[in-house]
C-alpha atoms as a PDB file:
ATOM      1  CA  UNK A   1    -122.196 -94.567 -76.830  1.00  0.00           C
ATOM      2  CA  UNK A   2    -125.399 -96.439 -77.655  1.00  0.00           C
ATOM      3  CA  UNK A   3    -125.536-100.038 -76.438  1.00  0.00           C
ATOM      4  CA  UNK A   4    -125.797-102.859 -78.911  1.00  0.00           C
ATOM      5  CA  UNK A   5    -128.875-104.359 -77.123  1.00  0.00           C
ATOM      6  CA  UNK A   6    -130.784-101.099 -77.735  1.00  0.00           C
ATOM      7  CA  UNK A   7    -130.072-101.323 -81.444  1.00  0.00           C
ATOM      8  CA  UNK A   8    -131.399-104.874 -81.473  1.00  0.00           C
ATOM      9  CA  UNK A   9    -134.455-103.854 -79.461  1.00  0.00           C
ATOM     10  CA  UNK A  10    -135.136-101.005 -81.961  1.00  0.00           C
ATOM     11  CA  UNK A  11    -134.860-103.381 -84.939  1.00  0.00           C
ATOM     12  CA  UNK A  12    -137.246-105.922 -83.415  1.00  0.00           C
ATOM     13  CA  UNK A  13    -139.617-103.112 -82.371  1.00  0.00           C
ATOM     14  CA  UNK A  14    -139.636-101.808 -85.974  1.00  0.00           C
ATOM     15  CA  UNK A  15    -140.527-105.258 -87.244  1.00  0.00           C
ATOM     16  CA  UNK A  16    -143.378-105.512 -84.765  1.00  0.00           C
ATOM     17  CA  UNK A  17    -144.807-102.035 -85.373  1.00  0.00           C
ATOM     18  CA  UNK A  18    -144.706-102.422 -89.142  1.00  0.00           C
ATOM     19  CA  UNK A  19    -146.422-105.759 -89.013  1.00  0.00           C
ATOM     20  CA  UNK A  20    -143.616-107.858 -90.240  1.00  0.00           C
ATOM     21  CA  UNK A  21    -143.870-109.729 -86.928  1.00  0.00           C
ATOM     22  CA  UNK A  22    -147.464-109.918 -85.904  1.00  0.00           C
ATOM     23  CA  UNK A  23    -149.250-110.119 -82.527  1.00  0.00           C
ATOM     24  CA  UNK A  24    -149.244-113.669 -81.280  1.00  0.00           C
ATOM     25  CA  UNK A  25    -146.186-114.646 -83.356  1.00  0.00           C
ATOM     26  CA  UNK A  26    -143.418-116.504 -81.578  1.00  0.00           C
ATOM     27  CA  UNK A  27    -139.994-114.919 -81.993  1.00  0.00           C
ATOM     28  CA  UNK A  28    -137.062-117.128 -83.060  1.00  0.00           C
ATOM     29  CA  UNK A  29    -135.204-118.807 -80.163  1.00  0.00           C
ATOM     30  CA  UNK A  30    -132.875-116.691 -78.155  1.00  0.00           C
ATOM     31  CA  UNK A  31    -129.911-118.633 -79.463  1.00  0.00           C
ATOM     32  CA  UNK A  32    -131.154-118.142 -82.967  1.00  0.00           C
ATOM     33  CA  UNK A  33    -131.636-114.378 -82.551  1.00  0.00           C
ATOM     34  CA  UNK A  34    -128.234-114.058 -80.870  1.00  0.00           C
ATOM     35  CA  UNK A  35    -126.669-115.811 -83.837  1.00  0.00           C
ATOM     36  CA  UNK A  36    -128.615-113.634 -86.288  1.00  0.00           C
ATOM     37  CA  UNK A  37    -127.472-110.375 -84.656  1.00  0.00           C
ATOM     38  CA  UNK A  38    -123.971-111.780 -83.905  1.00  0.00           C
ATOM     39  CA  UNK A  39    -124.159-111.069 -80.188  1.00  0.00           C
ATOM     40  CA  UNK A  40    -124.032-113.112 -76.978  1.00  0.00           C
ATOM     41  CA  UNK A  41    -127.275-114.528 -75.527  1.00  0.00           C
ATOM     42  CA  UNK A  42    -126.849-112.174 -72.561  1.00  0.00           C
ATOM     43  CA  UNK A  43    -126.864-109.225 -74.925  1.00  0.00           C
ATOM     44  CA  UNK A  44    -129.839-110.626 -76.777  1.00  0.00           C
ATOM     45  CA  UNK A  45    -131.760-111.140 -73.534  1.00  0.00           C
ATOM     46  CA  UNK A  46    -131.133-107.501 -72.565  1.00  0.00           C
ATOM     47  CA  UNK A  47    -132.687-106.473 -75.840  1.00  0.00           C
ATOM     48  CA  UNK A  48    -135.704-108.646 -75.192  1.00  0.00           C
ATOM     49  CA  UNK A  49    -135.980-107.222 -71.650  1.00  0.00           C
ATOM     50  CA  UNK A  50    -136.392-103.759 -73.183  1.00  0.00           C
ATOM     51  CA  UNK A  51    -139.303-105.028 -75.344  1.00  0.00           C
ATOM     52  CA  UNK A  52    -140.839-106.834 -72.379  1.00  0.00           C
ATOM     53  CA  UNK A  53    -140.594-103.714 -70.296  1.00  0.00           C
ATOM     54  CA  UNK A  54    -142.510-101.800 -72.998  1.00  0.00           C
ATOM     55  CA  UNK A  55    -145.216-104.496 -73.157  1.00  0.00           C
ATOM     56  CA  UNK A  56    -144.427-105.492 -76.749  1.00  0.00           C
ATOM     57  CA  UNK A  57    -143.067-108.970 -75.990  1.00  0.00           C
ATOM     58  CA  UNK A  58    -143.868-111.540 -73.313  1.00  0.00           C
ATOM     59  CA  UNK A  59    -141.873-114.558 -72.343  1.00  0.00           C
ATOM     60  CA  UNK A  60    -143.856-117.709 -71.624  1.00  0.00           C
ATOM     61  CA  UNK A  61    -141.892-120.247 -69.603  1.00  0.00           C
ATOM     62  CA  UNK A  62    -141.102-123.298 -71.613  1.00  0.00           C
ATOM     63  CA  UNK A  63    -142.567-121.882 -74.814  1.00  0.00           C
ATOM     64  CA  UNK A  64    -140.450-118.797 -75.805  1.00  0.00           C
ATOM     65  CA  UNK A  65    -140.952-115.129 -76.519  1.00  0.00           C
ATOM     66  CA  UNK A  66    -144.166-114.005 -78.146  1.00  0.00           C
ATOM     67  CA  UNK A  67    -145.376-110.631 -79.534  1.00  0.00           C
ATOM     68  CA  UNK A  68    -148.139-109.391 -77.260  1.00  0.00           C
ATOM     69  CA  UNK A  69    -151.641-108.645 -78.439  1.00  0.00           C
ATOM     70  CA  UNK A  70    -152.398-105.096 -77.430  1.00  0.00           C
ATOM     71  CA  UNK A  71    -154.117-105.328 -74.029  1.00  0.00           C
ATOM     72  CA  UNK A  72    -156.969-102.950 -73.423  1.00  0.00           C
ATOM     73  CA  UNK A  73    -157.328-101.169 -70.083  1.00  0.00           C
ATOM     74  CA  UNK A  74    -160.066-102.312 -67.779  1.00  0.00           C
ATOM     75  CA  UNK A  75    -161.734-100.406 -64.960  1.00  0.00           C
ATOM     76  CA  UNK A  76    -161.784-101.433 -61.323  1.00  0.00           C
ATOM     77  CA  UNK A  77    -164.826 -99.917 -59.558  1.00  0.00           C
ATOM     78  CA  UNK A  78    -163.740 -99.043 -56.040  1.00  0.00           C
ATOM     79  CA  UNK A  79    -166.125 -99.829 -53.184  1.00  0.00           C
ATOM     80  CA  UNK A  80    -167.922-102.483 -55.195  1.00  0.00           C
ATOM     81  CA  UNK A  81    -164.962-104.799 -55.785  1.00  0.00           C
ATOM     82  CA  UNK A  82    -165.811-105.522 -59.361  1.00  0.00           C
ATOM     83  CA  UNK A  83    -164.690-104.823 -62.879  1.00  0.00           C
ATOM     84  CA  UNK A  84    -166.761-102.456 -64.927  1.00  0.00           C
ATOM     85  CA  UNK A  85    -168.923-104.872 -67.012  1.00  0.00           C
ATOM     86  CA  UNK A  86    -168.616-102.758 -70.190  1.00  0.00           C
ATOM     87  CA  UNK A  87    -164.827-102.766 -70.258  1.00  0.00           C
ATOM     88  CA  UNK A  88    -164.586-106.292 -68.961  1.00  0.00           C
ATOM     89  CA  UNK A  89    -166.903-107.631 -71.714  1.00  0.00           C
ATOM     90  CA  UNK A  90    -165.233-105.679 -74.492  1.00  0.00           C
ATOM     91  CA  UNK A  91    -161.829-106.931 -73.449  1.00  0.00           C
ATOM     92  CA  UNK A  92    -162.885-110.597 -73.849  1.00  0.00           C
ATOM     93  CA  UNK A  93    -161.984-111.371 -70.258  1.00  0.00           C
ATOM     94  CA  UNK A  94    -162.233-114.777 -68.578  1.00  0.00           C
ATOM     95  CA  UNK A  95    -161.322-115.671 -65.032  1.00  0.00           C
ATOM     96  CA  UNK A  96    -159.980-118.859 -63.488  1.00  0.00           C
ATOM     97  CA  UNK A  97    -160.079-119.652 -59.803  1.00  0.00           C
ATOM     98  CA  UNK A  98    -158.361-122.190 -57.590  1.00  0.00           C
ATOM     99  CA  UNK A  99    -159.588-122.778 -54.076  1.00  0.00           C
ATOM    100  CA  UNK A 100    -157.263-123.915 -51.236  1.00  0.00           C
ATOM    101  CA  UNK A 101    -157.992-124.502 -47.598  1.00  0.00           C
ATOM    102  CA  UNK A 102    -155.468-122.724 -45.339  1.00  0.00           C
ATOM    103  CA  UNK A 103    -154.984-121.461 -41.844  1.00  0.00           C
ATOM    104  CA  UNK A 104    -154.585-117.737 -40.939  1.00  0.00           C
ATOM    105  CA  UNK A 105    -151.261-116.723 -39.425  1.00  0.00           C
ATOM    106  CA  UNK A 106    -149.381-113.417 -38.929  1.00  0.00           C
ATOM    107  CA  UNK A 107    -150.343-110.616 -41.247  1.00  0.00           C
ATOM    108  CA  UNK A 108    -153.262-112.571 -42.727  1.00  0.00           C
ATOM    109  CA  UNK A 109    -154.705-113.269 -39.269  1.00  0.00           C
ATOM    110  CA  UNK A 110    -154.499-109.625 -38.461  1.00  0.00           C
ATOM    111  CA  UNK A 111    -156.135-108.680 -41.764  1.00  0.00           C
ATOM    112  CA  UNK A 112    -158.998-111.136 -41.173  1.00  0.00           C
ATOM    113  CA  UNK A 113    -159.199-110.118 -37.457  1.00  0.00           C
ATOM    114  CA  UNK A 114    -159.092-113.778 -36.401  1.00  0.00           C
ATOM    115  CA  UNK A 115    -156.826-115.828 -34.079  1.00  0.00           C
ATOM    116  CA  UNK A 116    -153.771-117.575 -35.577  1.00  0.00           C
ATOM    117  CA  UNK A 117    -154.767-120.994 -36.948  1.00  0.00           C
ATOM    118  CA  UNK A 118    -158.276-119.993 -37.906  1.00  0.00           C
ATOM    119  CA  UNK A 119    -159.486-121.918 -40.982  1.00  0.00           C
ATOM    120  CA  UNK A 120    -159.859-119.938 -44.201  1.00  0.00           C
ATOM    121  CA  UNK A 121    -160.431-120.601 -47.900  1.00  0.00           C
ATOM    122  CA  UNK A 122    -158.095-118.890 -50.259  1.00  0.00           C
ATOM    123  CA  UNK A 123    -159.273-118.263 -53.831  1.00  0.00           C
ATOM    124  CA  UNK A 124    -156.465-117.504 -56.351  1.00  0.00           C
ATOM    125  CA  UNK A 125    -158.125-115.699 -59.189  1.00  0.00           C
ATOM    126  CA  UNK A 126    -156.407-114.780 -62.455  1.00  0.00           C
ATOM    127  CA  UNK A 127    -158.155-112.804 -65.184  1.00  0.00           C
ATOM    128  CA  UNK A 128    -157.080-113.163 -68.797  1.00  0.00           C
ATOM    129  CA  UNK A 129    -157.553-111.217 -72.007  1.00  0.00           C
ATOM    130  CA  UNK A 130    -157.260-113.896 -74.604  1.00  0.00           C
ATOM    131  CA  UNK A 131    -154.272-115.988 -73.461  1.00  0.00           C
ATOM    132  CA  UNK A 132    -152.521-113.126 -71.659  1.00  0.00           C
ATOM    133  CA  UNK A 133    -152.923-112.710 -67.852  1.00  0.00           C
ATOM    134  CA  UNK A 134    -154.446-109.334 -67.041  1.00  0.00           C
ATOM    135  CA  UNK A 135    -154.745-109.216 -63.241  1.00  0.00           C
ATOM    136  CA  UNK A 136    -154.693-111.470 -60.218  1.00  0.00           C
ATOM    137  CA  UNK A 137    -156.310-111.602 -56.794  1.00  0.00           C
ATOM    138  CA  UNK A 138    -156.008-113.636 -53.641  1.00  0.00           C
ATOM    139  CA  UNK A 139    -159.349-113.620 -51.873  1.00  0.00           C
ATOM    140  CA  UNK A 140    -159.718-114.961 -48.328  1.00  0.00           C
ATOM    141  CA  UNK A 141    -163.020-116.068 -46.799  1.00  0.00           C
ATOM    142  CA  UNK A 142    -163.726-117.546 -43.381  1.00  0.00           C
ATOM    143  CA  UNK A 143    -164.394-121.272 -43.882  1.00  0.00           C
ATOM    144  CA  UNK A 144    -167.929-121.071 -42.421  1.00  0.00           C
ATOM    145  CA  UNK A 145    -168.788-118.216 -44.805  1.00  0.00           C
ATOM    146  CA  UNK A 146    -167.565-119.887 -47.978  1.00  0.00           C
ATOM    147  CA  UNK A 147    -170.870-121.316 -49.291  1.00  0.00           C
ATOM    148  CA  UNK A 148    -172.916-118.193 -48.507  1.00  0.00           C
ATOM    149  CA  UNK A 149    -170.585-116.021 -50.638  1.00  0.00           C
ATOM    150  CA  UNK A 150    -171.463-117.806 -53.788  1.00  0.00           C
ATOM    151  CA  UNK A 151    -167.741-118.360 -54.583  1.00  0.00           C
ATOM    152  CA  UNK A 152    -168.223-122.159 -54.992  1.00  0.00           C
ATOM    153  CA  UNK A 153    -166.865-125.040 -52.991  1.00  0.00           C
ATOM    154  CA  UNK A 154    -164.963-127.182 -55.509  1.00  0.00           C
ATOM    155  CA  UNK A 155    -161.158-127.195 -55.891  1.00  0.00           C
ATOM    156  CA  UNK A 156    -161.293-125.457 -59.233  1.00  0.00           C
ATOM    157  CA  UNK A 157    -163.967-123.468 -61.105  1.00  0.00           C
ATOM    158  CA  UNK A 158    -164.446-120.526 -63.482  1.00  0.00           C
ATOM    159  CA  UNK A 159    -166.297-117.293 -62.895  1.00  0.00           C
ATOM    160  CA  UNK A 160    -167.516-114.788 -65.442  1.00  0.00           C
ATOM    161  CA  UNK A 161    -165.637-111.661 -66.504  1.00  0.00           C
ATOM    162  CA  UNK A 162    -167.184-108.925 -64.426  1.00  0.00           C
ATOM    163  CA  UNK A 163    -167.375-111.023 -61.247  1.00  0.00           C
ATOM    164  CA  UNK A 164    -163.610-111.052 -60.874  1.00  0.00           C
ATOM    165  CA  UNK A 165    -162.855-110.216 -57.211  1.00  0.00           C
ATOM    166  CA  UNK A 166    -166.513-109.476 -56.469  1.00  0.00           C
ATOM    167  CA  UNK A 167    -167.476-108.588 -52.913  1.00  0.00           C
ATOM    168  CA  UNK A 168    -169.296-110.873 -50.513  1.00  0.00           C
ATOM    169  CA  UNK A 169    -173.086-110.003 -50.361  1.00  0.00           C
ATOM    170  CA  UNK A 170    -172.711-109.905 -46.567  1.00  0.00           C
ATOM    171  CA  UNK A 171    -170.368-106.899 -46.662  1.00  0.00           C
ATOM    172  CA  UNK A 172    -171.706-103.562 -45.371  1.00  0.00           C
ATOM    173  CA  UNK A 173    -168.346-101.834 -44.711  1.00  0.00           C
ATOM    174  CA  UNK A 174    -165.449-101.889 -47.189  1.00  0.00           C
ATOM    175  CA  UNK A 175    -161.923-100.509 -46.583  1.00  0.00           C
ATOM    176  CA  UNK A 176    -159.508-100.369 -49.541  1.00  0.00           C
ATOM    177  CA  UNK A 177    -155.866 -99.504 -49.320  1.00  0.00           C
ATOM    178  CA  UNK A 178    -154.118 -98.674 -52.658  1.00  0.00           C
ATOM    179  CA  UNK A 179    -150.436 -98.525 -53.402  1.00  0.00           C
ATOM    180  CA  UNK A 180    -148.164 -98.504 -56.447  1.00  0.00           C
ATOM    181  CA  UNK A 181    -145.098-100.783 -56.102  1.00  0.00           C
ATOM    182  CA  UNK A 182    -142.883-103.139 -58.000  1.00  0.00           C
ATOM    183  CA  UNK A 183    -144.353-106.667 -58.387  1.00  0.00           C
ATOM    184  CA  UNK A 184    -143.093-109.560 -56.275  1.00  0.00           C
ATOM    185  CA  UNK A 185    -141.238-112.275 -58.319  1.00  0.00           C
ATOM    186  CA  UNK A 186    -144.331-114.469 -58.128  1.00  0.00           C
ATOM    187  CA  UNK A 187    -146.625-111.641 -59.353  1.00  0.00           C
ATOM    188  CA  UNK A 188    -144.179-110.800 -62.237  1.00  0.00           C
ATOM    189  CA  UNK A 189    -144.051-114.447 -63.280  1.00  0.00           C
ATOM    190  CA  UNK A 190    -147.865-114.940 -63.079  1.00  0.00           C
ATOM    191  CA  UNK A 191    -148.682-111.714 -64.950  1.00  0.00           C
ATOM    192  CA  UNK A 192    -145.754-112.177 -67.345  1.00  0.00           C
ATOM    193  CA  UNK A 193    -144.489-108.651 -66.765  1.00  0.00           C
ATOM    194  CA  UNK A 194    -141.089-107.110 -66.319  1.00  0.00           C
ATOM    195  CA  UNK A 195    -140.009-106.986 -62.697  1.00  0.00           C
ATOM    196  CA  UNK A 196    -139.472-103.277 -63.073  1.00  0.00           C
ATOM    197  CA  UNK A 197    -143.057-102.630 -64.164  1.00  0.00           C
ATOM    198  CA  UNK A 198    -145.190-100.914 -61.501  1.00  0.00           C
ATOM    199  CA  UNK A 199    -148.359-102.626 -60.306  1.00  0.00           C
ATOM    200  CA  UNK A 200    -151.450-101.201 -58.695  1.00  0.00           C
ATOM    201  CA  UNK A 201    -151.987-103.157 -55.464  1.00  0.00           C
ATOM    202  CA  UNK A 202    -155.306-102.971 -53.705  1.00  0.00           C
ATOM    203  CA  UNK A 203    -155.904-104.488 -50.266  1.00  0.00           C
ATOM    204  CA  UNK A 204    -159.649-104.692 -49.628  1.00  0.00           C
ATOM    205  CA  UNK A 205    -161.268-105.721 -46.328  1.00  0.00           C
ATOM    206  CA  UNK A 206    -165.026-106.199 -46.114  1.00  0.00           C
ATOM    207  CA  UNK A 207    -166.909-106.519 -42.813  1.00  0.00           C
ATOM    208  CA  UNK A 208    -170.494-107.246 -41.794  1.00  0.00           C
ATOM    209  CA  UNK A 209    -172.784-105.288 -39.426  1.00  0.00           C
ATOM    210  CA  UNK A 210    -171.098-106.886 -36.411  1.00  0.00           C
ATOM    211  CA  UNK A 211    -167.610-105.815 -37.605  1.00  0.00           C
ATOM    212  CA  UNK A 212    -166.663-109.360 -38.548  1.00  0.00           C
ATOM    213  CA  UNK A 213    -164.455-109.627 -41.606  1.00  0.00           C
ATOM    214  CA  UNK A 214    -166.338-111.653 -44.244  1.00  0.00           C
ATOM    215  CA  UNK A 215    -163.701-111.258 -46.983  1.00  0.00           C
ATOM    216  CA  UNK A 216    -160.212-109.902 -47.535  1.00  0.00           C
ATOM    217  CA  UNK A 217    -158.756-109.527 -50.983  1.00  0.00           C
ATOM    218  CA  UNK A 218    -155.273-108.731 -52.261  1.00  0.00           C
ATOM    219  CA  UNK A 219    -155.695-107.486 -55.860  1.00  0.00           C
ATOM    220  CA  UNK A 220    -152.796-106.818 -58.241  1.00  0.00           C
ATOM    221  CA  UNK A 221    -153.109-105.065 -61.639  1.00  0.00           C
ATOM    222  CA  UNK A 222    -150.186-104.070 -63.925  1.00  0.00           C
ATOM    223  CA  UNK A 223    -150.223-100.260 -63.781  1.00  0.00           C
ATOM    224  CA  UNK A 224    -150.679 -99.842 -67.548  1.00  0.00           C
ATOM    225  CA  UNK A 225    -153.671-102.153 -67.760  1.00  0.00           C
ATOM    226  CA  UNK A 226    -156.222-100.657 -65.353  1.00  0.00           C
ATOM    227  CA  UNK A 227    -157.902 -97.512 -64.139  1.00  0.00           C
ATOM    228  CA  UNK A 228    -159.329 -97.502 -60.609  1.00  0.00           C
ATOM    229  CA  UNK A 229    -162.389 -95.300 -60.064  1.00  0.00           C
ATOM    230  CA  UNK A 230    -163.834 -94.352 -56.678  1.00  0.00           C
ATOM    231  CA  UNK A 231    -167.038 -92.345 -56.151  1.00  0.00           C
ATOM    232  CA  UNK A 232    -167.870 -90.579 -52.899  1.00  0.00           C
ATOM    233  CA  UNK A 233    -171.490 -89.683 -52.065  1.00  0.00           C
ATOM    234  CA  UNK A 234    -171.786 -86.696 -49.728  1.00  0.00           C
ATOM    235  CA  UNK A 235    -174.812 -86.392 -47.465  1.00  0.00           C
ATOM    236  CA  UNK A 236    -176.539 -83.036 -47.868  1.00  0.00           C
ATOM    237  CA  UNK A 237    -177.702 -80.930 -44.947  1.00  0.00           C
ATOM    238  CA  UNK A 238    -181.377 -81.628 -45.743  1.00  0.00           C
ATOM    239  CA  UNK A 239    -180.770 -85.382 -45.725  1.00  0.00           C
ATOM    240  CA  UNK A 240    -178.863 -85.097 -42.435  1.00  0.00           C
ATOM    241  CA  UNK A 241    -181.805 -83.252 -40.891  1.00  0.00           C
ATOM    242  CA  UNK A 242    -184.230 -85.921 -42.083  1.00  0.00           C
ATOM    243  CA  UNK A 243    -181.972 -88.606 -40.499  1.00  0.00           C
END
């Protein structure tokens, strides 16, 4: 037997797809909708969870449930650590950053190849399409490399669209590990996605000619909002002989 919350989700979806409820519109309160459909708030929230899982509705803490603007996919260019400028510009992206001074411990110290307690600067970067968060990154830089990376030194600043998660100019070797997984509670909250939505997680470590890590980045993209492209250049026999 079909659940009542699926019927409610279908009715709201129909209103959204036909334009009766438009992108950016705030839905009535959960209590109001529950009263309208003559169900409990728990049932109503289950219906909204269906729409949130399909990317049609997002819940903004303290404000309510809103119909999502359709988010365009962007392209992450592997090996360069940047967003493709064409897709980034077309999607009207903007990026906010917050810098925090921290110390490396445990997994982070191992990732940066530094002793526990080493000083780092963490940059929390969130990209937006309009008002909707699109992707996030935590970028770690050794404190003595911060100014040379061009990432800025203030506690808060904004970078342009295609420079989101850009690599340090000192990097000569880049290692990227990619996995698909459920988001952490913090990631789901920041990106305003359903906890069951898969994310594309990229761990990127960049080193200089001496093997020193100049930057480590933990990048998270909702799986339905990004394509990751990696290009491999093979060395021909002729070029090997010339080397």
